N, C-alpha and C. Protein backbone atom coordinates (compact mmCIF):
# COMPACT_ATOMS: atom_id res chain seq x y z
N MET A 1 93.10 60.09 117.96
CA MET A 1 94.25 60.85 118.37
C MET A 1 93.80 62.24 118.83
N GLY A 2 94.41 62.75 119.89
CA GLY A 2 94.04 64.06 120.43
C GLY A 2 94.61 65.21 119.61
N TRP A 3 94.18 66.39 119.96
CA TRP A 3 94.65 67.59 119.29
C TRP A 3 96.04 67.96 119.77
N SER A 4 96.82 68.61 118.90
CA SER A 4 98.14 69.12 119.28
C SER A 4 97.94 70.44 120.04
N ARG A 5 98.97 70.89 120.70
CA ARG A 5 98.91 72.18 121.40
C ARG A 5 98.57 73.31 120.43
N GLU A 6 99.15 73.27 119.23
CA GLU A 6 98.90 74.31 118.23
C GLU A 6 97.45 74.27 117.75
N GLU A 7 96.90 73.09 117.58
CA GLU A 7 95.51 72.98 117.15
C GLU A 7 94.56 73.53 118.22
N ILE A 8 94.87 73.26 119.49
CA ILE A 8 94.04 73.79 120.58
C ILE A 8 94.12 75.31 120.60
N ALA A 9 95.34 75.86 120.46
CA ALA A 9 95.52 77.32 120.46
C ALA A 9 94.80 77.96 119.28
N ALA A 10 94.90 77.37 118.11
CA ALA A 10 94.22 77.91 116.93
C ALA A 10 92.71 77.89 117.12
N ARG A 11 92.20 76.82 117.72
CA ARG A 11 90.75 76.74 117.97
C ARG A 11 90.32 77.80 118.96
N ALA A 12 91.10 78.01 120.01
CA ALA A 12 90.77 79.04 121.00
C ALA A 12 90.78 80.43 120.36
N ALA A 13 91.72 80.67 119.47
CA ALA A 13 91.81 81.98 118.81
C ALA A 13 90.57 82.28 117.97
N ARG A 14 89.91 81.25 117.48
CA ARG A 14 88.69 81.46 116.69
C ARG A 14 87.52 81.96 117.54
N GLU A 15 87.65 81.87 118.86
CA GLU A 15 86.62 82.36 119.77
C GLU A 15 86.74 83.86 120.03
N LEU A 16 87.83 84.48 119.60
CA LEU A 16 88.06 85.90 119.87
C LEU A 16 87.30 86.79 118.88
N HIS A 17 86.90 87.95 119.36
CA HIS A 17 86.19 88.93 118.53
C HIS A 17 86.82 90.29 118.71
N ASP A 18 86.57 91.20 117.76
CA ASP A 18 87.07 92.56 117.86
C ASP A 18 86.73 93.17 119.21
N GLY A 19 87.71 93.84 119.80
CA GLY A 19 87.49 94.55 121.06
C GLY A 19 87.72 93.72 122.30
N PHE A 20 87.97 92.42 122.16
CA PHE A 20 88.21 91.58 123.33
C PHE A 20 89.51 91.96 124.03
N TYR A 21 89.52 91.81 125.35
CA TYR A 21 90.72 91.86 126.18
C TYR A 21 90.96 90.42 126.60
N VAL A 22 92.16 89.91 126.35
CA VAL A 22 92.43 88.49 126.55
C VAL A 22 93.63 88.29 127.45
N ASN A 23 93.44 87.55 128.55
CA ASN A 23 94.53 87.20 129.44
C ASN A 23 95.16 85.91 128.93
N LEU A 24 96.45 85.97 128.67
CA LEU A 24 97.16 84.79 128.19
C LEU A 24 98.04 84.25 129.30
N GLY A 25 97.66 83.13 129.86
CA GLY A 25 98.42 82.51 130.93
C GLY A 25 99.54 81.65 130.38
N ILE A 26 100.15 80.89 131.26
CA ILE A 26 101.29 80.05 130.90
C ILE A 26 100.81 78.82 130.13
N GLY A 27 101.63 78.37 129.20
CA GLY A 27 101.35 77.14 128.45
C GLY A 27 100.64 77.40 127.14
N ILE A 28 99.65 76.58 126.86
CA ILE A 28 98.91 76.70 125.59
C ILE A 28 98.34 78.10 125.39
N PRO A 29 97.82 78.77 126.44
CA PRO A 29 97.28 80.11 126.20
C PRO A 29 98.27 81.08 125.54
N THR A 30 99.57 80.97 125.85
CA THR A 30 100.52 81.89 125.21
C THR A 30 100.60 81.67 123.70
N LEU A 31 100.24 80.46 123.25
CA LEU A 31 100.26 80.17 121.82
C LEU A 31 99.10 80.81 121.06
N VAL A 32 98.03 81.15 121.76
CA VAL A 32 96.85 81.73 121.12
C VAL A 32 97.22 82.98 120.32
N ALA A 33 98.15 83.77 120.83
CA ALA A 33 98.56 85.00 120.15
C ALA A 33 99.06 84.73 118.74
N ASN A 34 99.61 83.56 118.49
CA ASN A 34 100.13 83.22 117.16
C ASN A 34 99.02 82.95 116.15
N TYR A 35 97.80 82.79 116.61
CA TYR A 35 96.71 82.39 115.72
C TYR A 35 95.59 83.43 115.62
N ILE A 36 95.81 84.62 116.14
CA ILE A 36 94.80 85.68 116.02
C ILE A 36 94.78 86.13 114.56
N PRO A 37 93.62 86.08 113.92
CA PRO A 37 93.55 86.44 112.50
C PRO A 37 93.99 87.89 112.25
N PRO A 38 94.64 88.14 111.11
CA PRO A 38 95.02 89.50 110.76
C PRO A 38 93.80 90.41 110.72
N GLY A 39 93.96 91.61 111.23
CA GLY A 39 92.87 92.58 111.22
C GLY A 39 91.96 92.52 112.43
N LEU A 40 92.05 91.45 113.21
CA LEU A 40 91.25 91.34 114.42
C LEU A 40 91.92 92.15 115.52
N LYS A 41 91.18 93.08 116.12
CA LYS A 41 91.74 93.96 117.16
C LYS A 41 91.40 93.41 118.53
N VAL A 42 92.39 92.76 119.16
CA VAL A 42 92.25 92.29 120.53
C VAL A 42 93.43 92.83 121.33
N THR A 43 93.21 93.05 122.62
CA THR A 43 94.26 93.51 123.51
C THR A 43 94.67 92.35 124.39
N LEU A 44 95.97 92.03 124.35
CA LEU A 44 96.48 90.89 125.11
C LEU A 44 97.06 91.36 126.43
N GLN A 45 96.79 90.60 127.47
CA GLN A 45 97.29 90.91 128.81
C GLN A 45 98.08 89.73 129.32
N SER A 46 99.24 90.02 129.88
CA SER A 46 100.07 88.98 130.48
C SER A 46 99.87 89.00 131.98
N GLU A 47 99.91 87.83 132.59
CA GLU A 47 99.69 87.72 134.03
C GLU A 47 100.74 88.45 134.86
N ASN A 48 101.83 88.84 134.24
CA ASN A 48 102.88 89.50 135.00
C ASN A 48 102.81 91.02 134.93
N GLY A 49 101.68 91.57 134.55
CA GLY A 49 101.45 93.00 134.66
C GLY A 49 101.61 93.83 133.40
N MET A 50 101.38 93.26 132.25
CA MET A 50 101.50 94.00 130.98
C MET A 50 100.18 93.90 130.22
N LEU A 51 99.60 95.04 129.92
CA LEU A 51 98.37 95.10 129.13
C LEU A 51 98.72 95.69 127.78
N GLY A 52 98.46 94.95 126.72
CA GLY A 52 98.79 95.40 125.38
C GLY A 52 100.09 94.81 124.89
N MET A 53 100.23 93.49 125.02
CA MET A 53 101.44 92.82 124.57
C MET A 53 101.53 92.87 123.05
N GLY A 54 102.76 93.07 122.58
CA GLY A 54 103.01 93.00 121.15
C GLY A 54 103.45 91.60 120.77
N PRO A 55 103.83 91.41 119.52
CA PRO A 55 104.24 90.09 119.05
C PRO A 55 105.62 89.70 119.59
N PHE A 56 106.01 88.47 119.32
CA PHE A 56 107.36 88.04 119.66
C PHE A 56 108.35 88.90 118.88
N PRO A 57 109.49 89.23 119.48
CA PRO A 57 110.47 90.07 118.77
C PRO A 57 111.24 89.27 117.72
N TYR A 58 111.82 89.99 116.78
CA TYR A 58 112.70 89.37 115.80
C TYR A 58 114.01 89.00 116.50
N PRO A 59 114.69 87.98 116.02
CA PRO A 59 115.97 87.61 116.63
C PRO A 59 116.91 88.81 116.67
N GLY A 60 117.55 88.99 117.81
CA GLY A 60 118.47 90.11 118.00
C GLY A 60 117.81 91.36 118.54
N GLU A 61 116.48 91.40 118.57
CA GLU A 61 115.75 92.57 119.06
C GLU A 61 115.06 92.29 120.39
N GLU A 62 115.42 91.20 121.05
CA GLU A 62 114.79 90.82 122.31
C GLU A 62 115.19 91.79 123.42
N ASP A 63 114.23 92.10 124.29
CA ASP A 63 114.49 92.87 125.51
C ASP A 63 114.19 91.93 126.67
N PRO A 64 115.21 91.53 127.44
CA PRO A 64 114.97 90.54 128.50
C PRO A 64 114.02 91.02 129.59
N ASP A 65 113.72 92.31 129.63
CA ASP A 65 112.78 92.82 130.62
C ASP A 65 111.33 92.71 130.15
N LEU A 66 111.11 92.43 128.88
CA LEU A 66 109.75 92.32 128.34
C LEU A 66 109.45 90.85 128.09
N ILE A 67 108.74 90.23 129.04
CA ILE A 67 108.43 88.81 128.94
C ILE A 67 106.94 88.58 129.22
N ASN A 68 106.44 87.47 128.73
CA ASN A 68 105.07 87.08 129.04
C ASN A 68 105.07 86.16 130.25
N ALA A 69 103.94 85.63 130.60
CA ALA A 69 103.82 84.78 131.78
C ALA A 69 104.65 83.51 131.66
N GLY A 70 104.95 83.09 130.45
CA GLY A 70 105.77 81.91 130.23
C GLY A 70 107.25 82.21 130.10
N LYS A 71 107.64 83.45 130.41
CA LYS A 71 109.02 83.92 130.35
C LYS A 71 109.58 83.97 128.93
N GLN A 72 108.70 84.07 127.94
CA GLN A 72 109.13 84.25 126.55
C GLN A 72 109.23 85.75 126.30
N THR A 73 110.24 86.17 125.53
CA THR A 73 110.35 87.60 125.23
C THR A 73 109.24 88.03 124.28
N ILE A 74 108.73 89.22 124.53
CA ILE A 74 107.65 89.80 123.72
C ILE A 74 108.02 91.25 123.44
N THR A 75 107.16 91.96 122.76
CA THR A 75 107.37 93.38 122.49
C THR A 75 106.23 94.17 123.09
N GLU A 76 106.45 95.47 123.21
CA GLU A 76 105.38 96.34 123.67
C GLU A 76 104.84 97.13 122.48
N LEU A 77 103.66 97.66 122.63
CA LEU A 77 103.00 98.47 121.61
C LEU A 77 102.93 99.91 122.10
N PRO A 78 102.63 100.86 121.23
CA PRO A 78 102.47 102.24 121.68
C PRO A 78 101.39 102.40 122.75
N THR A 79 100.43 101.48 122.77
CA THR A 79 99.33 101.55 123.73
C THR A 79 99.53 100.67 124.96
N THR A 80 100.69 100.04 125.09
CA THR A 80 100.97 99.14 126.22
C THR A 80 100.97 99.92 127.53
N SER A 81 100.41 99.29 128.56
CA SER A 81 100.49 99.87 129.91
C SER A 81 100.93 98.76 130.86
N TYR A 82 101.49 99.19 131.98
CA TYR A 82 102.01 98.25 132.97
C TYR A 82 101.33 98.48 134.30
N PHE A 83 101.17 97.42 135.06
CA PHE A 83 100.56 97.50 136.39
C PHE A 83 101.16 96.41 137.24
N PRO A 84 101.16 96.60 138.55
CA PRO A 84 101.74 95.55 139.39
C PRO A 84 100.87 94.31 139.38
N PRO A 85 101.50 93.14 139.31
CA PRO A 85 100.71 91.92 139.39
C PRO A 85 100.05 91.81 140.76
N PRO A 86 98.97 91.07 140.86
CA PRO A 86 98.29 90.94 142.17
C PRO A 86 99.20 90.26 143.18
N THR A 87 99.05 90.64 144.42
CA THR A 87 99.79 89.99 145.49
C THR A 87 98.88 88.98 146.18
N VAL A 88 99.49 87.98 146.73
CA VAL A 88 98.73 86.94 147.43
C VAL A 88 99.02 87.08 148.91
N SER A 89 97.99 87.21 149.69
CA SER A 89 98.15 87.32 151.14
C SER A 89 98.23 85.92 151.74
N PRO A 90 99.06 85.75 152.78
CA PRO A 90 99.14 84.43 153.41
C PRO A 90 97.90 84.10 154.19
């Protein structure tokens, strides 16, 4: 039997080290944030132009303008910065 999405995400999170900058794309990569060990300092980047993503918000505290690449609501941190996503030329 194959691995579940959560098992794959947890395994990927074990590859992270202090100081890493990690791009979390759509799908399983967005789950990696749930498995980063406590105390490990990594900076998460979303493909839609947010560097320094915070955790998922508590119910009722969602900001619809703060989303990850999978359109899930997230939070920002004091160190969060924003930049325009890359454009694709025809």
